[in-house]
Amino acid sequence: MAKPDDSSLQEHELFAVEAKAKKLLDEANAWGRFPTPVPDILDAAKLRVAPIAIHDVETFLAYVAQKTAAAGHRLKSALSKVLGVYDADEQFIHIDPTVTESKQTFLKLHETGHHRLPSHRQMFKFFQDCEQTLAPSIADLFEREANNFARFALFQGDSYKQHALDMANAIKTPMALAKQYGASIYASCREFVRTHDQACALFVLEPIQIHEDHELIALVRRIELSPAYVQKFGRPDDSFITLSHTLGRLLPKHGRRMVIDARVYIKDLNGTLYECLGEAFDTKHNVFLLVFPLRPAATFDFLLPK
């Protein structure tokens, strides 16, 4: 099942979040420094990464009990799993050290977003008895705002987009930019597509499995689309990709990690068939399919898979 939306905001909401992130980048003198200097950003925000490892459950619960003994201490549990915690009282963030370094980077900036966005810092409360919680709609909004704060800070506004403009429309581009910015390949691929001027699509898949009928299948985790793609091709709603799917030939198989310079075919909203450049990379945690429509296809004498 595809993951729910984790980043969409109304224009005025996004503007306000990015303004706060820009101000912090200014304070940290972080522009044009690579990888994005997260320690300096935390220093500018007057935040520290706490020495208590939250994956040590007993230590963490004892800490929470101590902090919430008196009402009013503000703690915020981030994401669906407790990978990061923001303590506004002590100006600490707690990050799970068992996740990858690039994930820790994003989590640090996500929690910094909760710290620098005034409504977050004022409203989030975490009580040991869990009797008081934010309305789900508000909690969801705050998560999307913090994600966008982290995006803007990590990719330094439109710096990532400008770098991508001078590079090839290929899966290796977001992979290279991920290393440059200190981001995960997942975050970099999403940023590459969502900020691209041309029509392109990213299908993030779960690891490839063998279906009961012995066919390869990969469930769709998320689909990221450029604005130009949505305008011309609409929003695909595929829940899985198999070898018989239009994009099936992009699935890496036989031990391969990458598929480069393949051709696939997609219809636009008017029913016109387009030849597309398709590439893929299998990280073993996710499979990324990158699709760039090129031109209307010529007449074919074979049936396209549905």
C-alpha atoms as a PDB file:
ATOM      1  CA  MET A   1       0.000   0.000   0.000  1.00  0.00           C
ATOM      2  CA  ALA A   2       1.304   3.450  -0.935  1.00  0.00           C
ATOM      3  CA  LYS A   3       2.421   5.703   1.882  1.00  0.00           C
ATOM      4  CA  PRO A   4       0.162   8.666   2.744  1.00  0.00           C
ATOM      5  CA  ASP A   5       1.102  12.166   1.685  1.00  0.00           C
ATOM      6  CA  ASP A   6       3.891  13.445   3.921  1.00  0.00           C
ATOM      7  CA  SER A   7       4.742  16.824   2.427  1.00  0.00           C
ATOM      8  CA  SER A   8       1.917  18.648   0.621  1.00  0.00           C
ATOM      9  CA  LEU A   9       1.138  22.120   1.968  1.00  0.00           C
ATOM     10  CA  GLN A  10      -0.906  25.042   0.808  1.00  0.00           C
ATOM     11  CA  GLU A  11       1.150  27.794  -0.794  1.00  0.00           C
ATOM     12  CA  HIS A  12       0.961  30.157   2.185  1.00  0.00           C
ATOM     13  CA  GLU A  13       1.886  27.348   4.594  1.00  0.00           C
ATOM     14  CA  LEU A  14       4.895  26.356   2.509  1.00  0.00           C
ATOM     15  CA  PHE A  15       6.029  29.979   2.210  1.00  0.00           C
ATOM     16  CA  ALA A  16       5.944  30.434   5.989  1.00  0.00           C
ATOM     17  CA  VAL A  17       7.870  27.202   6.641  1.00  0.00           C
ATOM     18  CA  GLU A  18      10.529  27.964   4.048  1.00  0.00           C
ATOM     19  CA  ALA A  19      10.961  31.491   5.407  1.00  0.00           C
ATOM     20  CA  LYS A  20      11.849  30.035   8.826  1.00  0.00           C
ATOM     21  CA  ALA A  21      14.231  27.516   7.263  1.00  0.00           C
ATOM     22  CA  LYS A  22      15.883  30.230   5.159  1.00  0.00           C
ATOM     23  CA  LYS A  23      16.426  32.386   8.223  1.00  0.00           C
ATOM     24  CA  LEU A  24      18.117  29.504  10.026  1.00  0.00           C
ATOM     25  CA  LEU A  25      20.372  28.772   7.035  1.00  0.00           C
ATOM     26  CA  ASP A  26      21.351  32.452   7.075  1.00  0.00           C
ATOM     27  CA  GLU A  27      22.151  32.299  10.794  1.00  0.00           C
ATOM     28  CA  ALA A  28      24.236  29.168  10.305  1.00  0.00           C
ATOM     29  CA  ASN A  29      26.041  30.585   7.267  1.00  0.00           C
ATOM     30  CA  ALA A  30      25.179  27.280   5.612  1.00  0.00           C
ATOM     31  CA  TRP A  31      24.537  28.370   2.027  1.00  0.00           C
ATOM     32  CA  GLY A  32      26.881  26.805  -0.522  1.00  0.00           C
ATOM     33  CA  ARG A  33      28.581  24.508   1.984  1.00  0.00           C
ATOM     34  CA  PHE A  34      28.505  20.796   1.186  1.00  0.00           C
ATOM     35  CA  PRO A  35      27.460  18.458   2.535  1.00  0.00           C
ATOM     36  CA  THR A  36      24.878  20.707   4.187  1.00  0.00           C
ATOM     37  CA  PRO A  37      26.471  21.545   7.588  1.00  0.00           C
ATOM     38  CA  VAL A  38      23.834  20.137   9.940  1.00  0.00           C
ATOM     39  CA  PRO A  39      25.948  20.594  13.124  1.00  0.00           C
ATOM     40  CA  ASP A  40      26.230  24.322  12.396  1.00  0.00           C
ATOM     41  CA  ILE A  41      22.494  24.505  11.720  1.00  0.00           C
ATOM     42  CA  LEU A  42      21.798  22.884  15.094  1.00  0.00           C
ATOM     43  CA  ASP A  43      24.210  25.296  16.787  1.00  0.00           C
ATOM     44  CA  ALA A  44      22.443  28.264  15.194  1.00  0.00           C
ATOM     45  CA  ALA A  45      19.116  26.859  16.394  1.00  0.00           C
ATOM     46  CA  LYS A  46      20.599  26.405  19.891  1.00  0.00           C
ATOM     47  CA  LEU A  47      19.727  22.711  19.828  1.00  0.00           C
ATOM     48  CA  ARG A  48      21.789  19.759  20.981  1.00  0.00           C
ATOM     49  CA  VAL A  49      21.577  16.079  20.190  1.00  0.00           C
ATOM     50  CA  ALA A  50      20.980  14.403  23.549  1.00  0.00           C
ATOM     51  CA  PRO A  51      23.406  11.732  24.777  1.00  0.00           C
ATOM     52  CA  ILE A  52      20.527   9.389  25.662  1.00  0.00           C
ATOM     53  CA  ALA A  53      19.960   6.868  22.899  1.00  0.00           C
ATOM     54  CA  ILE A  54      16.234   6.446  22.388  1.00  0.00           C
ATOM     55  CA  HIS A  55      16.613   2.884  21.190  1.00  0.00           C
ATOM     56  CA  ASP A  56      17.596   2.041  24.792  1.00  0.00           C
ATOM     57  CA  VAL A  57      13.945   1.646  25.760  1.00  0.00           C
ATOM     58  CA  GLU A  58      14.352   1.451  29.543  1.00  0.00           C
ATOM     59  CA  THR A  59      16.615   4.500  29.676  1.00  0.00           C
ATOM     60  CA  PHE A  60      14.343   6.456  27.374  1.00  0.00           C
ATOM     61  CA  LEU A  61      11.129   5.630  29.265  1.00  0.00           C
ATOM     62  CA  ALA A  62      12.779   6.597  32.531  1.00  0.00           C
ATOM     63  CA  TYR A  63      13.780   9.884  30.924  1.00  0.00           C
ATOM     64  CA  VAL A  64      10.239  10.510  29.670  1.00  0.00           C
ATOM     65  CA  ALA A  65       8.806   9.710  33.106  1.00  0.00           C
ATOM     66  CA  GLN A  66      11.152  12.193  34.731  1.00  0.00           C
ATOM     67  CA  LYS A  67      10.457  14.916  32.178  1.00  0.00           C
ATOM     68  CA  THR A  68       6.675  14.525  32.283  1.00  0.00           C
ATOM     69  CA  ALA A  69       6.317  14.268  36.052  1.00  0.00           C
ATOM     70  CA  ALA A  70       5.151  17.878  36.025  1.00  0.00           C
ATOM     71  CA  ALA A  71       2.583  18.995  33.480  1.00  0.00           C
ATOM     72  CA  GLY A  72       3.732  21.464  30.876  1.00  0.00           C
ATOM     73  CA  HIS A  73       6.998  19.903  29.759  1.00  0.00           C
ATOM     74  CA  ARG A  74       6.876  19.696  26.013  1.00  0.00           C
ATOM     75  CA  LEU A  75       8.072  16.586  24.262  1.00  0.00           C
ATOM     76  CA  LYS A  76       7.269  15.653  20.725  1.00  0.00           C
ATOM     77  CA  SER A  77       7.459  12.138  19.319  1.00  0.00           C
ATOM     78  CA  ALA A  78       8.302  12.259  15.635  1.00  0.00           C
ATOM     79  CA  LEU A  79       7.129  10.035  12.804  1.00  0.00           C
ATOM     80  CA  SER A  80       5.209   6.783  13.114  1.00  0.00           C
ATOM     81  CA  LYS A  81       8.149   5.162  14.877  1.00  0.00           C
ATOM     82  CA  VAL A  82      10.060   6.870  17.657  1.00  0.00           C
ATOM     83  CA  LEU A  83      13.097   7.765  15.577  1.00  0.00           C
ATOM     84  CA  GLY A  84      13.384  11.295  16.920  1.00  0.00           C
ATOM     85  CA  VAL A  85      12.131  13.228  19.917  1.00  0.00           C
ATOM     86  CA  TYR A  86      12.149  16.980  20.475  1.00  0.00           C
ATOM     87  CA  ASP A  87      12.372  18.291  24.041  1.00  0.00           C
ATOM     88  CA  ALA A  88      11.578  22.008  23.946  1.00  0.00           C
ATOM     89  CA  ASP A  89      12.238  22.477  27.655  1.00  0.00           C
ATOM     90  CA  GLU A  90      15.857  21.322  27.516  1.00  0.00           C
ATOM     91  CA  GLN A  91      16.358  22.237  23.839  1.00  0.00           C
ATOM     92  CA  PHE A  92      17.456  18.686  23.118  1.00  0.00           C
ATOM     93  CA  ILE A  93      16.660  16.413  20.218  1.00  0.00           C
ATOM     94  CA  HIS A  94      16.963  12.659  20.607  1.00  0.00           C
ATOM     95  CA  ILE A  95      17.858  10.728  17.467  1.00  0.00           C
ATOM     96  CA  ASP A  96      17.904   6.972  17.042  1.00  0.00           C
ATOM     97  CA  PRO A  97      21.559   6.164  16.291  1.00  0.00           C
ATOM     98  CA  THR A  98      20.643   2.802  14.767  1.00  0.00           C
ATOM     99  CA  VAL A  99      19.268   4.370  11.565  1.00  0.00           C
ATOM    100  CA  THR A 100      21.538   5.377   8.685  1.00  0.00           C
ATOM    101  CA  GLU A 101      23.572   8.570   8.886  1.00  0.00           C
ATOM    102  CA  SER A 102      21.576  10.196   6.087  1.00  0.00           C
ATOM    103  CA  LYS A 103      18.332   9.339   7.910  1.00  0.00           C
ATOM    104  CA  GLN A 104      19.729  10.844  11.104  1.00  0.00           C
ATOM    105  CA  THR A 105      20.537  13.997   9.144  1.00  0.00           C
ATOM    106  CA  PHE A 106      16.953  14.373   7.953  1.00  0.00           C
ATOM    107  CA  LEU A 107      15.570  13.571  11.418  1.00  0.00           C
ATOM    108  CA  LYS A 108      17.758  16.248  13.003  1.00  0.00           C
ATOM    109  CA  LEU A 109      16.463  18.841  10.557  1.00  0.00           C
ATOM    110  CA  HIS A 110      12.880  17.585  10.959  1.00  0.00           C
ATOM    111  CA  GLU A 111      13.053  18.015  14.746  1.00  0.00           C
ATOM    112  CA  THR A 112      14.745  21.388  14.263  1.00  0.00           C
ATOM    113  CA  GLY A 113      11.697  22.377  12.235  1.00  0.00           C
ATOM    114  CA  HIS A 114       9.470  21.645  15.235  1.00  0.00           C
ATOM    115  CA  HIS A 115      11.801  23.786  17.319  1.00  0.00           C
ATOM    116  CA  ARG A 116      11.902  26.776  14.953  1.00  0.00           C
ATOM    117  CA  LEU A 117       8.223  26.852  13.976  1.00  0.00           C
ATOM    118  CA  PRO A 118       6.561  28.741  16.854  1.00  0.00           C
ATOM    119  CA  SER A 119       3.191  27.005  16.660  1.00  0.00           C
ATOM    120  CA  HIS A 120       4.897  23.623  16.990  1.00  0.00           C
ATOM    121  CA  ARG A 121       7.006  24.617  19.939  1.00  0.00           C
ATOM    122  CA  GLN A 122       3.990  26.028  21.748  1.00  0.00           C
ATOM    123  CA  MET A 123       1.390  23.360  21.045  1.00  0.00           C
ATOM    124  CA  PHE A 124       3.115  19.970  21.252  1.00  0.00           C
ATOM    125  CA  LYS A 125       2.829  18.311  24.607  1.00  0.00           C
ATOM    126  CA  PHE A 126       3.620  14.792  25.565  1.00  0.00           C
ATOM    127  CA  PHE A 127       2.287  13.410  28.845  1.00  0.00           C
ATOM    128  CA  GLN A 128       3.233  10.091  30.283  1.00  0.00           C
ATOM    129  CA  ASP A 129      -0.410   9.060  30.648  1.00  0.00           C
ATOM    130  CA  CYS A 130      -1.037   9.963  26.982  1.00  0.00           C
ATOM    131  CA  GLU A 131      -4.394  11.507  27.882  1.00  0.00           C
ATOM    132  CA  GLN A 132      -3.711  14.721  26.006  1.00  0.00           C
ATOM    133  CA  THR A 133      -2.816  14.564  22.338  1.00  0.00           C
ATOM    134  CA  LEU A 134      -3.096  16.815  19.340  1.00  0.00           C
ATOM    135  CA  ALA A 135      -5.964  16.290  16.928  1.00  0.00           C
ATOM    136  CA  PRO A 136      -4.742  13.938  14.164  1.00  0.00           C
ATOM    137  CA  SER A 137      -5.284  16.595  11.491  1.00  0.00           C
ATOM    138  CA  ILE A 138      -3.063  19.081  13.345  1.00  0.00           C
ATOM    139  CA  ALA A 139      -0.412  16.474  14.078  1.00  0.00           C
ATOM    140  CA  ASP A 140      -0.393  15.524  10.391  1.00  0.00           C
ATOM    141  CA  LEU A 141      -0.037  19.159   9.334  1.00  0.00           C
ATOM    142  CA  PHE A 142       2.846  19.675  11.745  1.00  0.00           C
ATOM    143  CA  GLU A 143       4.629  16.602  10.380  1.00  0.00           C
ATOM    144  CA  ARG A 144       4.277  17.866   6.805  1.00  0.00           C
ATOM    145  CA  GLU A 145       5.512  21.291   7.835  1.00  0.00           C
ATOM    146  CA  ALA A 146       8.531  19.823   9.633  1.00  0.00           C
ATOM    147  CA  ASN A 147       9.301  17.635   6.607  1.00  0.00           C
ATOM    148  CA  ASN A 148       9.283  20.673   4.342  1.00  0.00           C
ATOM    149  CA  PHE A 149      11.468  22.590   6.776  1.00  0.00           C
ATOM    150  CA  ALA A 150      13.960  19.713   6.658  1.00  0.00           C
ATOM    151  CA  ARG A 151      13.773  19.552   2.846  1.00  0.00           C
ATOM    152  CA  PHE A 152      14.465  23.248   2.428  1.00  0.00           C
ATOM    153  CA  ALA A 153      17.347  23.207   4.904  1.00  0.00           C
ATOM    154  CA  LEU A 154      18.942  20.005   3.620  1.00  0.00           C
ATOM    155  CA  PHE A 155      18.766  20.961  -0.064  1.00  0.00           C
ATOM    156  CA  GLN A 156      19.503  24.650   0.625  1.00  0.00           C
ATOM    157  CA  GLY A 157      16.445  26.152  -1.006  1.00  0.00           C
ATOM    158  CA  ASP A 158      16.670  25.823  -4.789  1.00  0.00           C
ATOM    159  CA  SER A 159      20.405  25.061  -4.717  1.00  0.00           C
ATOM    160  CA  TYR A 160      19.719  21.384  -5.410  1.00  0.00           C
ATOM    161  CA  LYS A 161      17.485  22.243  -8.355  1.00  0.00           C
ATOM    162  CA  GLN A 162      20.133  24.503  -9.858  1.00  0.00           C
ATOM    163  CA  HIS A 163      22.772  21.792  -9.557  1.00  0.00           C
ATOM    164  CA  ALA A 164      20.430  19.266 -11.182  1.00  0.00           C
ATOM    165  CA  LEU A 165      19.814  21.572 -14.166  1.00  0.00           C
ATOM    166  CA  ASP A 166      23.441  21.143 -15.225  1.00  0.00           C
ATOM    167  CA  MET A 167      23.331  17.361 -14.945  1.00  0.00           C
ATOM    168  CA  ALA A 168      21.864  14.518 -16.988  1.00  0.00           C
ATOM    169  CA  ASN A 169      18.286  13.313 -16.800  1.00  0.00           C
ATOM    170  CA  ALA A 170      19.409  10.014 -15.339  1.00  0.00           C
ATOM    171  CA  ILE A 171      19.140   8.030 -12.095  1.00  0.00           C
ATOM    172  CA  LYS A 172      22.840   8.639 -11.420  1.00  0.00           C
ATOM    173  CA  THR A 173      22.176  12.372 -11.020  1.00  0.00           C
ATOM    174  CA  PRO A 174      20.127  12.219  -7.789  1.00  0.00           C
ATOM    175  CA  MET A 175      22.473   9.499  -6.554  1.00  0.00           C
ATOM    176  CA  ALA A 176      25.453  11.843  -7.016  1.00  0.00           C
ATOM    177  CA  LEU A 177      23.594  14.807  -5.512  1.00  0.00           C
ATOM    178  CA  ALA A 178      22.611  12.707  -2.500  1.00  0.00           C
ATOM    179  CA  LYS A 179      26.285  12.274  -1.675  1.00  0.00           C
ATOM    180  CA  GLN A 180      27.012  15.961  -2.279  1.00  0.00           C
ATOM    181  CA  TYR A 181      24.257  17.201   0.050  1.00  0.00           C
ATOM    182  CA  GLY A 182      24.541  14.462   2.664  1.00  0.00           C
ATOM    183  CA  ALA A 183      21.042  13.199   1.890  1.00  0.00           C
ATOM    184  CA  SER A 184      19.646   9.720   1.418  1.00  0.00           C
ATOM    185  CA  ILE A 185      19.153   8.463  -2.139  1.00  0.00           C
ATOM    186  CA  TYR A 186      15.436   8.270  -1.321  1.00  0.00           C
ATOM    187  CA  ALA A 187      15.206  11.954  -0.352  1.00  0.00           C
ATOM    188  CA  SER A 188      17.438  13.014  -3.233  1.00  0.00           C
ATOM    189  CA  CYS A 189      15.417  11.149  -5.860  1.00  0.00           C
ATOM    190  CA  ARG A 190      12.204  12.695  -4.557  1.00  0.00           C
ATOM    191  CA  GLU A 191      13.717  16.186  -4.614  1.00  0.00           C
ATOM    192  CA  PHE A 192      15.105  15.626  -8.117  1.00  0.00           C
ATOM    193  CA  VAL A 193      11.669  14.851  -9.545  1.00  0.00           C
ATOM    194  CA  ARG A 194       9.504  17.220  -7.545  1.00  0.00           C
ATOM    195  CA  THR A 195      11.655  20.251  -8.487  1.00  0.00           C
ATOM    196  CA  HIS A 196      12.350  19.291 -12.121  1.00  0.00           C
ATOM    197  CA  ASP A 197      11.154  21.604 -14.889  1.00  0.00           C
ATOM    198  CA  GLN A 198      10.567  18.740 -17.314  1.00  0.00           C
ATOM    199  CA  ALA A 199       7.955  15.997 -17.143  1.00  0.00           C
ATOM    200  CA  CYS A 200       9.309  13.101 -15.082  1.00  0.00           C
ATOM    201  CA  ALA A 201       8.072  10.538 -12.586  1.00  0.00           C
ATOM    202  CA  LEU A 202       9.613   8.544  -9.769  1.00  0.00           C
ATOM    203  CA  PHE A 203       8.130   5.244  -8.626  1.00  0.00           C
ATOM    204  CA  VAL A 204       9.475   4.202  -5.223  1.00  0.00           C
ATOM    205  CA  LEU A 205       8.922   0.477  -4.797  1.00  0.00           C
ATOM    206  CA  GLU A 206       9.245  -1.942  -1.937  1.00  0.00           C
ATOM    207  CA  PRO A 207      11.820  -4.743  -2.437  1.00  0.00           C
ATOM    208  CA  ILE A 208      11.014  -7.043  -5.341  1.00  0.00           C
ATOM    209  CA  GLN A 209       9.302 -10.271  -4.337  1.00  0.00           C
ATOM    210  CA  ILE A 210       8.232 -13.461  -6.084  1.00  0.00           C
ATOM    211  CA  HIS A 211       4.447 -13.684  -6.299  1.00  0.00           C
ATOM    212  CA  GLU A 212       2.594 -16.930  -5.704  1.00  0.00           C
ATOM    213  CA  ASP A 213       2.315 -17.395  -9.470  1.00  0.00           C
ATOM    214  CA  HIS A 214       6.134 -17.114  -9.661  1.00  0.00           C
ATOM    215  CA  GLU A 215       6.046 -13.660 -11.239  1.00  0.00           C
ATOM    216  CA  LEU A 216       8.202 -10.845  -9.907  1.00  0.00           C
ATOM    217  CA  ILE A 217       6.225  -8.135  -8.135  1.00  0.00           C
ATOM    218  CA  ALA A 218       7.078  -4.941  -6.273  1.00  0.00           C
ATOM    219  CA  LEU A 219       4.544  -2.970  -4.257  1.00  0.00           C
ATOM    220  CA  VAL A 220       4.455   0.785  -4.839  1.00  0.00           C
ATOM    221  CA  ARG A 221       5.579   2.725  -1.769  1.00  0.00           C
ATOM    222  CA  ARG A 222       5.294   6.213  -3.218  1.00  0.00           C
ATOM    223  CA  ILE A 223       4.950   8.011  -6.547  1.00  0.00           C
ATOM    224  CA  GLU A 224       6.612  11.408  -6.964  1.00  0.00           C
ATOM    225  CA  LEU A 225       5.745  13.530  -9.992  1.00  0.00           C
ATOM    226  CA  SER A 226       7.033  16.766 -11.463  1.00  0.00           C
ATOM    227  CA  PRO A 227       4.398  19.466 -12.071  1.00  0.00           C
ATOM    228  CA  ALA A 228       4.927  19.155 -15.837  1.00  0.00           C
ATOM    229  CA  TYR A 229       4.267  15.400 -15.665  1.00  0.00           C
ATOM    230  CA  VAL A 230       1.010  15.860 -13.775  1.00  0.00           C
ATOM    231  CA  GLN A 231      -0.184  18.439 -16.279  1.00  0.00           C
ATOM    232  CA  LYS A 232       0.434  16.216 -19.301  1.00  0.00           C
ATOM    233  CA  PHE A 233       0.111  12.656 -17.995  1.00  0.00           C
ATOM    234  CA  GLY A 234      -2.004  12.959 -14.843  1.00  0.00           C
ATOM    235  CA  ARG A 235      -1.440  11.086 -11.596  1.00  0.00           C
ATOM    236  CA  PRO A 236      -0.827   7.325 -11.822  1.00  0.00           C
ATOM    237  CA  ASP A 237      -2.329   5.261  -9.025  1.00  0.00           C
ATOM    238  CA  ASP A 238      -0.524   1.940  -9.513  1.00  0.00           C
ATOM    239  CA  SER A 239      -0.327  -0.159  -6.367  1.00  0.00           C
ATOM    240  CA  PHE A 240       2.220  -2.667  -7.697  1.00  0.00           C
ATOM    241  CA  ILE A 241       4.562  -3.279 -10.636  1.00  0.00           C
ATOM    242  CA  THR A 242       5.067  -6.674 -12.286  1.00  0.00           C
ATOM    243  CA  LEU A 243       7.063  -7.726 -15.357  1.00  0.00           C
ATOM    244  CA  SER A 244       3.888  -7.432 -17.439  1.00  0.00           C
ATOM    245  CA  HIS A 245       3.326  -3.829 -16.336  1.00  0.00           C
ATOM    246  CA  THR A 246       4.203  -0.957 -18.662  1.00  0.00           C
ATOM    247  CA  LEU A 247       7.205  -0.246 -16.423  1.00  0.00           C
ATOM    248  CA  GLY A 248       7.961  -3.903 -15.752  1.00  0.00           C
ATOM    249  CA  ARG A 249      11.063  -4.015 -17.925  1.00  0.00           C
ATOM    250  CA  LEU A 250      12.674  -1.525 -15.529  1.00  0.00           C
ATOM    251  CA  LEU A 251      12.597  -3.936 -12.591  1.00  0.00           C
ATOM    252  CA  PRO A 252      16.217  -4.968 -11.891  1.00  0.00           C
ATOM    253  CA  LYS A 253      16.538  -8.742 -12.009  1.00  0.00           C
ATOM    254  CA  HIS A 254      19.090 -11.533 -12.256  1.00  0.00           C
ATOM    255  CA  GLY A 255      21.170  -9.891  -9.530  1.00  0.00           C
ATOM    256  CA  ARG A 256      21.399  -6.521 -11.262  1.00  0.00           C
ATOM    257  CA  ARG A 257      21.250  -3.323  -9.199  1.00  0.00           C
ATOM    258  CA  MET A 258      20.658  -0.857 -12.038  1.00  0.00           C
ATOM    259  CA  VAL A 259      18.793  -0.524 -15.316  1.00  0.00           C
ATOM    260  CA  ILE A 260      20.141   2.218 -17.575  1.00  0.00           C
ATOM    261  CA  ASP A 261      18.764   3.860 -20.728  1.00  0.00           C
ATOM    262  CA  ALA A 262      15.770   1.579 -21.232  1.00  0.00           C
ATOM    263  CA  ARG A 263      12.647   2.533 -23.184  1.00  0.00           C
ATOM    264  CA  VAL A 264       9.096   2.317 -21.853  1.00  0.00           C
ATOM    265  CA  TYR A 265       5.821   3.720 -23.194  1.00  0.00           C
ATOM    266  CA  ILE A 266       3.157   5.758 -21.418  1.00  0.00           C
ATOM    267  CA  LYS A 267      -0.033   7.428 -22.676  1.00  0.00           C
ATOM    268  CA  ASP A 268      -0.709  11.071 -21.926  1.00  0.00           C
ATOM    269  CA  LEU A 269      -4.104  12.437 -20.896  1.00  0.00           C
ATOM    270  CA  ASN A 270      -5.120  12.689 -24.572  1.00  0.00           C
ATOM    271  CA  GLY A 271      -4.295   9.052 -25.226  1.00  0.00           C
ATOM    272  CA  THR A 272      -1.113   9.796 -27.170  1.00  0.00           C
ATOM    273  CA  LEU A 273       1.567   7.180 -26.626  1.00  0.00           C
ATOM    274  CA  TYR A 274       4.951   8.570 -25.550  1.00  0.00           C
ATOM    275  CA  GLU A 275       8.346   6.956 -25.720  1.00  0.00           C
ATOM    276  CA  CYS A 276      10.059   7.422 -22.354  1.00  0.00           C
ATOM    277  CA  LEU A 277      13.532   7.019 -20.961  1.00  0.00           C
ATOM    278  CA  GLY A 278      13.389   4.615 -18.041  1.00  0.00           C
ATOM    279  CA  GLU A 279      16.092   3.857 -15.476  1.00  0.00           C
ATOM    280  CA  ALA A 280      16.170   2.060 -12.144  1.00  0.00           C
ATOM    281  CA  PHE A 281      18.269   1.466  -9.065  1.00  0.00           C
ATOM    282  CA  ASP A 282      17.766  -1.200  -6.413  1.00  0.00           C
ATOM    283  CA  THR A 283      19.085  -0.204  -2.977  1.00  0.00           C
ATOM    284  CA  LYS A 284      17.834  -3.510  -1.472  1.00  0.00           C
ATOM    285  CA  HIS A 285      15.589  -1.384   0.774  1.00  0.00           C
ATOM    286  CA  ASN A 286      13.711   0.249  -2.099  1.00  0.00           C
ATOM    287  CA  VAL A 287      13.669   0.163  -5.882  1.00  0.00           C
ATOM    288  CA  PHE A 288      13.599   3.515  -7.682  1.00  0.00           C
ATOM    289  CA  LEU A 289      12.129   3.749 -11.173  1.00  0.00           C
ATOM    290  CA  LEU A 290      12.813   7.073 -12.910  1.00  0.00           C
ATOM    291  CA  VAL A 291      10.799   7.875 -16.055  1.00  0.00           C
ATOM    292  CA  PHE A 292      11.351  10.781 -18.469  1.00  0.00           C
ATOM    293  CA  PRO A 293       8.872  11.127 -21.381  1.00  0.00           C
ATOM    294  CA  LEU A 294      10.818  11.935 -24.554  1.00  0.00           C
ATOM    295  CA  ARG A 295       8.569  12.149 -27.621  1.00  0.00           C
ATOM    296  CA  PRO A 296       5.349  10.769 -29.138  1.00  0.00           C
ATOM    297  CA  ALA A 297       5.987   7.175 -30.107  1.00  0.00           C
ATOM    298  CA  ALA A 298       6.000   5.895 -33.674  1.00  0.00           C
ATOM    299  CA  THR A 299       3.497   3.322 -34.907  1.00  0.00           C
ATOM    300  CA  PHE A 300       4.102  -0.096 -33.348  1.00  0.00           C
ATOM    301  CA  ASP A 301       3.220  -3.517 -34.702  1.00  0.00           C
ATOM    302  CA  PHE A 302       3.033  -5.186 -31.290  1.00  0.00           C
ATOM    303  CA  LEU A 303       0.633  -5.039 -28.402  1.00  0.00           C
ATOM    304  CA  LEU A 304       1.717  -3.018 -25.380  1.00  0.00           C
ATOM    305  CA  PRO A 305       1.246  -4.603 -21.951  1.00  0.00           C
ATOM    306  CA  LYS A 306      -1.660  -3.221 -19.966  1.00  0.00           C
END
